[in-house]
Amino acid sequence: PEFLPPELRGLLAYELGTPRRVAPRSYGGGTF
């Protein structure tokens, strides 16, 4: 998927660490 980040005004941004992957589990009646 393609991620389009929000336009930040008045904020300075830094990418933190590496993306985390969480094993499938139930969220709101579905497994994700």
ModelCIF file with pLDDT and N, C-alpha, C, O atoms, coordinates in Angstrom:
data_MODEL
#
_entry.id   MODEL 
#
_entity.id                         1 
_entity.type                       polymer 
_entity.pdbx_number_of_molecules   1 
#
_entity_poly.entity_id                      1 
_entity_poly.type                           'polypeptide(L)' 
_entity_poly.nstd_linkage                   no 
_entity_poly.nstd_monomer                   no 
_entity_poly.pdbx_seq_one_letter_code       PEFLPPELRGLLAYELGTPRRVAPRSYGGGTF 
_entity_poly.pdbx_seq_one_letter_code_can   PEFLPPELRGLLAYELGTPRRVAPRSYGGGTF 
_entity_poly.pdbx_strand_id                 A 
#
loop_
_entity_poly_seq.entity_id 
_entity_poly_seq.num 
_entity_poly_seq.mon_id 
_entity_poly_seq.hetero 
1 1  PRO n 
1 2  GLU n 
1 3  PHE n 
1 4  LEU n 
1 5  PRO n 
1 6  PRO n 
1 7  GLU n 
1 8  LEU n 
1 9  ARG n 
1 10 GLY n 
1 11 LEU n 
1 12 LEU n 
1 13 ALA n 
1 14 TYR n 
1 15 GLU n 
1 16 LEU n 
1 17 GLY n 
1 18 THR n 
1 19 PRO n 
1 20 ARG n 
1 21 ARG n 
1 22 VAL n 
1 23 ALA n 
1 24 PRO n 
1 25 ARG n 
1 26 SER n 
1 27 TYR n 
1 28 GLY n 
1 29 GLY n 
1 30 GLY n 
1 31 THR n 
1 32 PHE n 
#
_struct_asym.id          A 
_struct_asym.entity_id   1 
#
loop_
_ma_qa_metric.id 
_ma_qa_metric.mode 
_ma_qa_metric.name 
_ma_qa_metric.software_group_id 
_ma_qa_metric.type 
1 global pLDDT . pLDDT 
2 local  pLDDT . pLDDT 
#
_ma_qa_metric_global.metric_id      1 
_ma_qa_metric_global.metric_value   82.88 
_ma_qa_metric_global.model_id       1 
_ma_qa_metric_global.ordinal_id     1 
#
loop_
_ma_qa_metric_local.label_asym_id 
_ma_qa_metric_local.label_comp_id 
_ma_qa_metric_local.label_seq_id 
_ma_qa_metric_local.metric_id 
_ma_qa_metric_local.metric_value 
_ma_qa_metric_local.model_id 
_ma_qa_metric_local.ordinal_id 
A PRO 1  2 87.00 1 1  
A GLU 2  2 85.00 1 2  
A PHE 3  2 85.00 1 3  
A LEU 4  2 85.00 1 4  
A PRO 5  2 85.00 1 5  
A PRO 6  2 87.00 1 6  
A GLU 7  2 85.00 1 7  
A LEU 8  2 84.00 1 8  
A ARG 9  2 83.00 1 9  
A GLY 10 2 82.00 1 10 
A LEU 11 2 89.00 1 11 
A LEU 12 2 89.00 1 12 
A ALA 13 2 91.00 1 13 
A TYR 14 2 92.00 1 14 
A GLU 15 2 90.00 1 15 
A LEU 16 2 89.00 1 16 
A GLY 17 2 81.00 1 17 
A THR 18 2 80.00 1 18 
A PRO 19 2 83.00 1 19 
A ARG 20 2 81.00 1 20 
A ARG 21 2 83.00 1 21 
A VAL 22 2 82.00 1 22 
A ALA 23 2 80.00 1 23 
A PRO 24 2 82.00 1 24 
A ARG 25 2 80.00 1 25 
A SER 26 2 79.00 1 26 
A TYR 27 2 74.00 1 27 
A GLY 28 2 67.00 1 28 
A GLY 29 2 69.00 1 29 
A GLY 30 2 76.00 1 30 
A THR 31 2 82.00 1 31 
A PHE 32 2 85.00 1 32 
#
loop_
_atom_site.group_PDB 
_atom_site.id 
_atom_site.type_symbol 
_atom_site.label_atom_id 
_atom_site.label_alt_id 
_atom_site.label_comp_id 
_atom_site.label_asym_id 
_atom_site.label_entity_id 
_atom_site.label_seq_id 
_atom_site.pdbx_PDB_ins_code 
_atom_site.Cartn_x 
_atom_site.Cartn_y 
_atom_site.Cartn_z 
_atom_site.occupancy 
_atom_site.B_iso_or_equiv 
_atom_site.pdbx_formal_charge 
_atom_site.auth_seq_id 
_atom_site.auth_comp_id 
_atom_site.auth_asym_id 
_atom_site.auth_atom_id 
_atom_site.pdbx_PDB_model_num 
ATOM 1   N N  . PRO A 1 1  ? 0.831   -1.208  0.000  1.00 87.00 ? 1  PRO A N  1 
ATOM 2   C CA . PRO A 1 1  ? 0.000   0.000   0.000  1.00 87.00 ? 1  PRO A CA 1 
ATOM 3   C C  . PRO A 1 1  ? 0.868   1.261   0.000  1.00 87.00 ? 1  PRO A C  1 
ATOM 4   O O  . PRO A 1 1  ? 2.027   1.229   0.412  1.00 87.00 ? 1  PRO A O  1 
ATOM 5   N N  . GLU A 1 2  ? 0.297   2.352   -0.461 1.00 85.00 ? 2  GLU A N  1 
ATOM 6   C CA . GLU A 1 2  ? 0.988   3.638   -0.508 1.00 85.00 ? 2  GLU A CA 1 
ATOM 7   C C  . GLU A 1 2  ? 0.471   4.515   0.627  1.00 85.00 ? 2  GLU A C  1 
ATOM 8   O O  . GLU A 1 2  ? -0.731  4.742   0.771  1.00 85.00 ? 2  GLU A O  1 
ATOM 9   N N  . PHE A 1 3  ? 1.430   5.008   1.438  1.00 85.00 ? 3  PHE A N  1 
ATOM 10  C CA . PHE A 1 3  ? 1.087   5.821   2.603  1.00 85.00 ? 3  PHE A CA 1 
ATOM 11  C C  . PHE A 1 3  ? 1.358   7.282   2.272  1.00 85.00 ? 3  PHE A C  1 
ATOM 12  O O  . PHE A 1 3  ? 2.469   7.626   1.868  1.00 85.00 ? 3  PHE A O  1 
ATOM 13  N N  . LEU A 1 4  ? 0.353   8.152   2.438  1.00 85.00 ? 4  LEU A N  1 
ATOM 14  C CA . LEU A 1 4  ? 0.487   9.593   2.236  1.00 85.00 ? 4  LEU A CA 1 
ATOM 15  C C  . LEU A 1 4  ? 0.411   10.264  3.600  1.00 85.00 ? 4  LEU A C  1 
ATOM 16  O O  . LEU A 1 4  ? -0.676  10.367  4.169  1.00 85.00 ? 4  LEU A O  1 
ATOM 17  N N  . PRO A 1 5  ? 1.557   10.730  4.146  1.00 85.00 ? 5  PRO A N  1 
ATOM 18  C CA . PRO A 1 5  ? 1.551   11.307  5.490  1.00 85.00 ? 5  PRO A CA 1 
ATOM 19  C C  . PRO A 1 5  ? 0.801   12.631  5.518  1.00 85.00 ? 5  PRO A C  1 
ATOM 20  O O  . PRO A 1 5  ? 0.631   13.260  4.474  1.00 85.00 ? 5  PRO A O  1 
ATOM 21  N N  . PRO A 1 6  ? 0.353   13.063  6.679  1.00 87.00 ? 6  PRO A N  1 
ATOM 22  C CA . PRO A 1 6  ? -0.359  14.344  6.786  1.00 87.00 ? 6  PRO A CA 1 
ATOM 23  C C  . PRO A 1 6  ? 0.604   15.517  6.621  1.00 87.00 ? 6  PRO A C  1 
ATOM 24  O O  . PRO A 1 6  ? 1.807   15.394  6.855  1.00 87.00 ? 6  PRO A O  1 
ATOM 25  N N  . GLU A 1 7  ? 0.054   16.637  6.219  1.00 85.00 ? 7  GLU A N  1 
ATOM 26  C CA . GLU A 1 7  ? 0.842   17.861  6.103  1.00 85.00 ? 7  GLU A CA 1 
ATOM 27  C C  . GLU A 1 7  ? 0.936   18.511  7.478  1.00 85.00 ? 7  GLU A C  1 
ATOM 28  O O  . GLU A 1 7  ? -0.072  18.927  8.048  1.00 85.00 ? 7  GLU A O  1 
ATOM 29  N N  . LEU A 1 8  ? 2.153   18.596  8.003  1.00 84.00 ? 8  LEU A N  1 
ATOM 30  C CA . LEU A 1 8  ? 2.366   19.085  9.362  1.00 84.00 ? 8  LEU A CA 1 
ATOM 31  C C  . LEU A 1 8  ? 2.763   20.555  9.308  1.00 84.00 ? 8  LEU A C  1 
ATOM 32  O O  . LEU A 1 8  ? 3.723   20.927  8.633  1.00 84.00 ? 8  LEU A O  1 
ATOM 33  N N  . ARG A 1 9  ? 2.023   21.373  10.017 1.00 83.00 ? 9  ARG A N  1 
ATOM 34  C CA . ARG A 1 9  ? 2.323   22.793  10.115 1.00 83.00 ? 9  ARG A CA 1 
ATOM 35  C C  . ARG A 1 9  ? 2.611   23.139  11.562 1.00 83.00 ? 9  ARG A C  1 
ATOM 36  O O  . ARG A 1 9  ? 1.830   22.819  12.458 1.00 83.00 ? 9  ARG A O  1 
ATOM 37  N N  . GLY A 1 10 ? 3.730   23.791  11.779 1.00 82.00 ? 10 GLY A N  1 
ATOM 38  C CA . GLY A 1 10 ? 4.136   24.131  13.141 1.00 82.00 ? 10 GLY A CA 1 
ATOM 39  C C  . GLY A 1 10 ? 4.748   22.978  13.888 1.00 82.00 ? 10 GLY A C  1 
ATOM 40  O O  . GLY A 1 10 ? 4.914   23.051  15.106 1.00 82.00 ? 10 GLY A O  1 
ATOM 41  N N  . LEU A 1 11 ? 5.096   21.892  13.177 1.00 89.00 ? 11 LEU A N  1 
ATOM 42  C CA . LEU A 1 11 ? 5.669   20.711  13.812 1.00 89.00 ? 11 LEU A CA 1 
ATOM 43  C C  . LEU A 1 11 ? 6.884   20.252  13.019 1.00 89.00 ? 11 LEU A C  1 
ATOM 44  O O  . LEU A 1 11 ? 6.892   20.294  11.789 1.00 89.00 ? 11 LEU A O  1 
ATOM 45  N N  . LEU A 1 12 ? 7.908   19.814  13.742 1.00 89.00 ? 12 LEU A N  1 
ATOM 46  C CA . LEU A 1 12 ? 9.074   19.182  13.141 1.00 89.00 ? 12 LEU A CA 1 
ATOM 47  C C  . LEU A 1 12 ? 8.971   17.681  13.359 1.00 89.00 ? 12 LEU A C  1 
ATOM 48  O O  . LEU A 1 12 ? 8.608   17.239  14.449 1.00 89.00 ? 12 LEU A O  1 
ATOM 49  N N  . ALA A 1 13 ? 9.284   16.890  12.335 1.00 91.00 ? 13 ALA A N  1 
ATOM 50  C CA . ALA A 1 13 ? 9.047   15.442  12.397 1.00 91.00 ? 13 ALA A CA 1 
ATOM 51  C C  . ALA A 1 13 ? 10.341  14.678  12.163 1.00 91.00 ? 13 ALA A C  1 
ATOM 52  O O  . ALA A 1 13 ? 11.196  15.092  11.379 1.00 91.00 ? 13 ALA A O  1 
ATOM 53  N N  . TYR A 1 14 ? 10.466  13.541  12.868 1.00 92.00 ? 14 TYR A N  1 
ATOM 54  C CA . TYR A 1 14 ? 11.561  12.586  12.694 1.00 92.00 ? 14 TYR A CA 1 
ATOM 55  C C  . TYR A 1 14 ? 10.962  11.181  12.650 1.00 92.00 ? 14 TYR A C  1 
ATOM 56  O O  . TYR A 1 14 ? 10.051  10.868  13.417 1.00 92.00 ? 14 TYR A O  1 
ATOM 57  N N  . GLU A 1 15 ? 11.473  10.335  11.753 1.00 90.00 ? 15 GLU A N  1 
ATOM 58  C CA . GLU A 1 15 ? 11.051  8.941   11.716 1.00 90.00 ? 15 GLU A CA 1 
ATOM 59  C C  . GLU A 1 15 ? 11.698  8.196   12.890 1.00 90.00 ? 15 GLU A C  1 
ATOM 60  O O  . GLU A 1 15 ? 12.902  8.316   13.120 1.00 90.00 ? 15 GLU A O  1 
ATOM 61  N N  . LEU A 1 16 ? 10.896  7.431   13.624 1.00 89.00 ? 16 LEU A N  1 
ATOM 62  C CA . LEU A 1 16 ? 11.378  6.721   14.810 1.00 89.00 ? 16 LEU A CA 1 
ATOM 63  C C  . LEU A 1 16 ? 11.533  5.240   14.513 1.00 89.00 ? 16 LEU A C  1 
ATOM 64  O O  . LEU A 1 16 ? 10.595  4.583   14.061 1.00 89.00 ? 16 LEU A O  1 
ATOM 65  N N  . GLY A 1 17 ? 12.725  4.721   14.770 1.00 81.00 ? 17 GLY A N  1 
ATOM 66  C CA . GLY A 1 17 ? 12.964  3.288   14.722 1.00 81.00 ? 17 GLY A CA 1 
ATOM 67  C C  . GLY A 1 17 ? 12.572  2.662   13.401 1.00 81.00 ? 17 GLY A C  1 
ATOM 68  O O  . GLY A 1 17 ? 12.601  3.305   12.351 1.00 81.00 ? 17 GLY A O  1 
ATOM 69  N N  . THR A 1 18 ? 12.201  1.380   13.477 1.00 80.00 ? 18 THR A N  1 
ATOM 70  C CA . THR A 1 18 ? 11.760  0.612   12.311 1.00 80.00 ? 18 THR A CA 1 
ATOM 71  C C  . THR A 1 18 ? 10.311  0.186   12.518 1.00 80.00 ? 18 THR A C  1 
ATOM 72  O O  . THR A 1 18 ? 9.861   0.054   13.657 1.00 80.00 ? 18 THR A O  1 
ATOM 73  N N  . PRO A 1 19 ? 9.576   -0.032  11.427 1.00 83.00 ? 19 PRO A N  1 
ATOM 74  C CA . PRO A 1 19 ? 8.174   -0.469  11.579 1.00 83.00 ? 19 PRO A CA 1 
ATOM 75  C C  . PRO A 1 19 ? 8.074   -1.777  12.371 1.00 83.00 ? 19 PRO A C  1 
ATOM 76  O O  . PRO A 1 19 ? 8.906   -2.672  12.230 1.00 83.00 ? 19 PRO A O  1 
ATOM 77  N N  . ARG A 1 20 ? 7.036   -1.863  13.206 1.00 81.00 ? 20 ARG A N  1 
ATOM 78  C CA . ARG A 1 20 ? 6.773   -3.054  14.015 1.00 81.00 ? 20 ARG A CA 1 
ATOM 79  C C  . ARG A 1 20 ? 5.659   -3.883  13.387 1.00 81.00 ? 20 ARG A C  1 
ATOM 80  O O  . ARG A 1 20 ? 4.648   -3.356  12.922 1.00 81.00 ? 20 ARG A O  1 
ATOM 81  N N  . ARG A 1 21 ? 5.880   -5.212  13.388 1.00 83.00 ? 21 ARG A N  1 
ATOM 82  C CA . ARG A 1 21 ? 4.860   -6.129  12.872 1.00 83.00 ? 21 ARG A CA 1 
ATOM 83  C C  . ARG A 1 21 ? 4.321   -6.945  14.036 1.00 83.00 ? 21 ARG A C  1 
ATOM 84  O O  . ARG A 1 21 ? 5.084   -7.529  14.805 1.00 83.00 ? 21 ARG A O  1 
ATOM 85  N N  . VAL A 1 22 ? 3.012   -6.978  14.156 1.00 82.00 ? 22 VAL A N  1 
ATOM 86  C CA . VAL A 1 22 ? 2.343   -7.696  15.242 1.00 82.00 ? 22 VAL A CA 1 
ATOM 87  C C  . VAL A 1 22 ? 1.586   -8.874  14.639 1.00 82.00 ? 22 VAL A C  1 
ATOM 88  O O  . VAL A 1 22 ? 0.879   -8.731  13.641 1.00 82.00 ? 22 VAL A O  1 
ATOM 89  N N  . ALA A 1 23 ? 1.746   -10.024 15.254 1.00 80.00 ? 23 ALA A N  1 
ATOM 90  C CA . ALA A 1 23 ? 1.108   -11.255 14.756 1.00 80.00 ? 23 ALA A CA 1 
ATOM 91  C C  . ALA A 1 23 ? -0.404  -11.088 14.685 1.00 80.00 ? 23 ALA A C  1 
ATOM 92  O O  . ALA A 1 23 ? -0.969  -10.294 15.435 1.00 80.00 ? 23 ALA A O  1 
ATOM 93  N N  . PRO A 1 24 ? -1.059  -11.813 13.809 1.00 82.00 ? 24 PRO A N  1 
ATOM 94  C CA . PRO A 1 24 ? -2.523  -11.678 13.671 1.00 82.00 ? 24 PRO A CA 1 
ATOM 95  C C  . PRO A 1 24 ? -3.243  -11.949 14.990 1.00 82.00 ? 24 PRO A C  1 
ATOM 96  O O  . PRO A 1 24 ? -2.941  -12.891 15.723 1.00 82.00 ? 24 PRO A O  1 
ATOM 97  N N  . ARG A 1 25 ? -4.195  -11.086 15.245 1.00 80.00 ? 25 ARG A N  1 
ATOM 98  C CA . ARG A 1 25 ? -5.064  -11.272 16.405 1.00 80.00 ? 25 ARG A CA 1 
ATOM 99  C C  . ARG A 1 25 ? -6.381  -10.563 16.121 1.00 80.00 ? 25 ARG A C  1 
ATOM 100 O O  . ARG A 1 25 ? -6.543  -9.894  15.100 1.00 80.00 ? 25 ARG A O  1 
ATOM 101 N N  . SER A 1 26 ? -7.301  -10.724 17.036 1.00 79.00 ? 26 SER A N  1 
ATOM 102 C CA . SER A 1 26 ? -8.660  -10.238 16.809 1.00 79.00 ? 26 SER A CA 1 
ATOM 103 C C  . SER A 1 26 ? -8.764  -8.766  17.168 1.00 79.00 ? 26 SER A C  1 
ATOM 104 O O  . SER A 1 26 ? -8.358  -8.340  18.249 1.00 79.00 ? 26 SER A O  1 
ATOM 105 N N  . TYR A 1 27 ? -9.325  -7.986  16.220 1.00 74.00 ? 27 TYR A N  1 
ATOM 106 C CA . TYR A 1 27 ? -9.606  -6.569  16.436 1.00 74.00 ? 27 TYR A CA 1 
ATOM 107 C C  . TYR A 1 27 ? -11.014 -6.302  15.933 1.00 74.00 ? 27 TYR A C  1 
ATOM 108 O O  . TYR A 1 27 ? -11.293 -6.460  14.744 1.00 74.00 ? 27 TYR A O  1 
ATOM 109 N N  . GLY A 1 28 ? -11.909 -5.895  16.837 1.00 67.00 ? 28 GLY A N  1 
ATOM 110 C CA . GLY A 1 28 ? -13.257 -5.497  16.433 1.00 67.00 ? 28 GLY A CA 1 
ATOM 111 C C  . GLY A 1 28 ? -14.000 -6.562  15.670 1.00 67.00 ? 28 GLY A C  1 
ATOM 112 O O  . GLY A 1 28 ? -14.698 -6.241  14.709 1.00 67.00 ? 28 GLY A O  1 
ATOM 113 N N  . GLY A 1 29 ? -13.880 -7.823  16.057 1.00 69.00 ? 29 GLY A N  1 
ATOM 114 C CA . GLY A 1 29 ? -14.620 -8.879  15.402 1.00 69.00 ? 29 GLY A CA 1 
ATOM 115 C C  . GLY A 1 29 ? -13.929 -9.477  14.205 1.00 69.00 ? 29 GLY A C  1 
ATOM 116 O O  . GLY A 1 29 ? -14.484 -10.379 13.578 1.00 69.00 ? 29 GLY A O  1 
ATOM 117 N N  . GLY A 1 30 ? -12.748 -9.020  13.857 1.00 76.00 ? 30 GLY A N  1 
ATOM 118 C CA . GLY A 1 30 ? -12.005 -9.568  12.736 1.00 76.00 ? 30 GLY A CA 1 
ATOM 119 C C  . GLY A 1 30 ? -10.572 -9.849  13.132 1.00 76.00 ? 30 GLY A C  1 
ATOM 120 O O  . GLY A 1 30 ? -10.065 -9.294  14.107 1.00 76.00 ? 30 GLY A O  1 
ATOM 121 N N  . THR A 1 31 ? -9.921  -10.714 12.371 1.00 82.00 ? 31 THR A N  1 
ATOM 122 C CA . THR A 1 31 ? -8.526  -11.057 12.633 1.00 82.00 ? 31 THR A CA 1 
ATOM 123 C C  . THR A 1 31 ? -7.652  -10.288 11.650 1.00 82.00 ? 31 THR A C  1 
ATOM 124 O O  . THR A 1 31 ? -7.827  -10.376 10.435 1.00 82.00 ? 31 THR A O  1 
ATOM 125 N N  . PHE A 1 32 ? -6.689  -9.520  12.215 1.00 85.00 ? 32 PHE A N  1 
ATOM 126 C CA . PHE A 1 32 ? -5.837  -8.662  11.398 1.00 85.00 ? 32 PHE A CA 1 
ATOM 127 C C  . PHE A 1 32 ? -4.378  -8.846  11.809 1.00 85.00 ? 32 PHE A C  1 
ATOM 128 O O  . PHE A 1 32 ? -3.491  -8.210  11.240 1.00 85.00 ? 32 PHE A O  1 
#
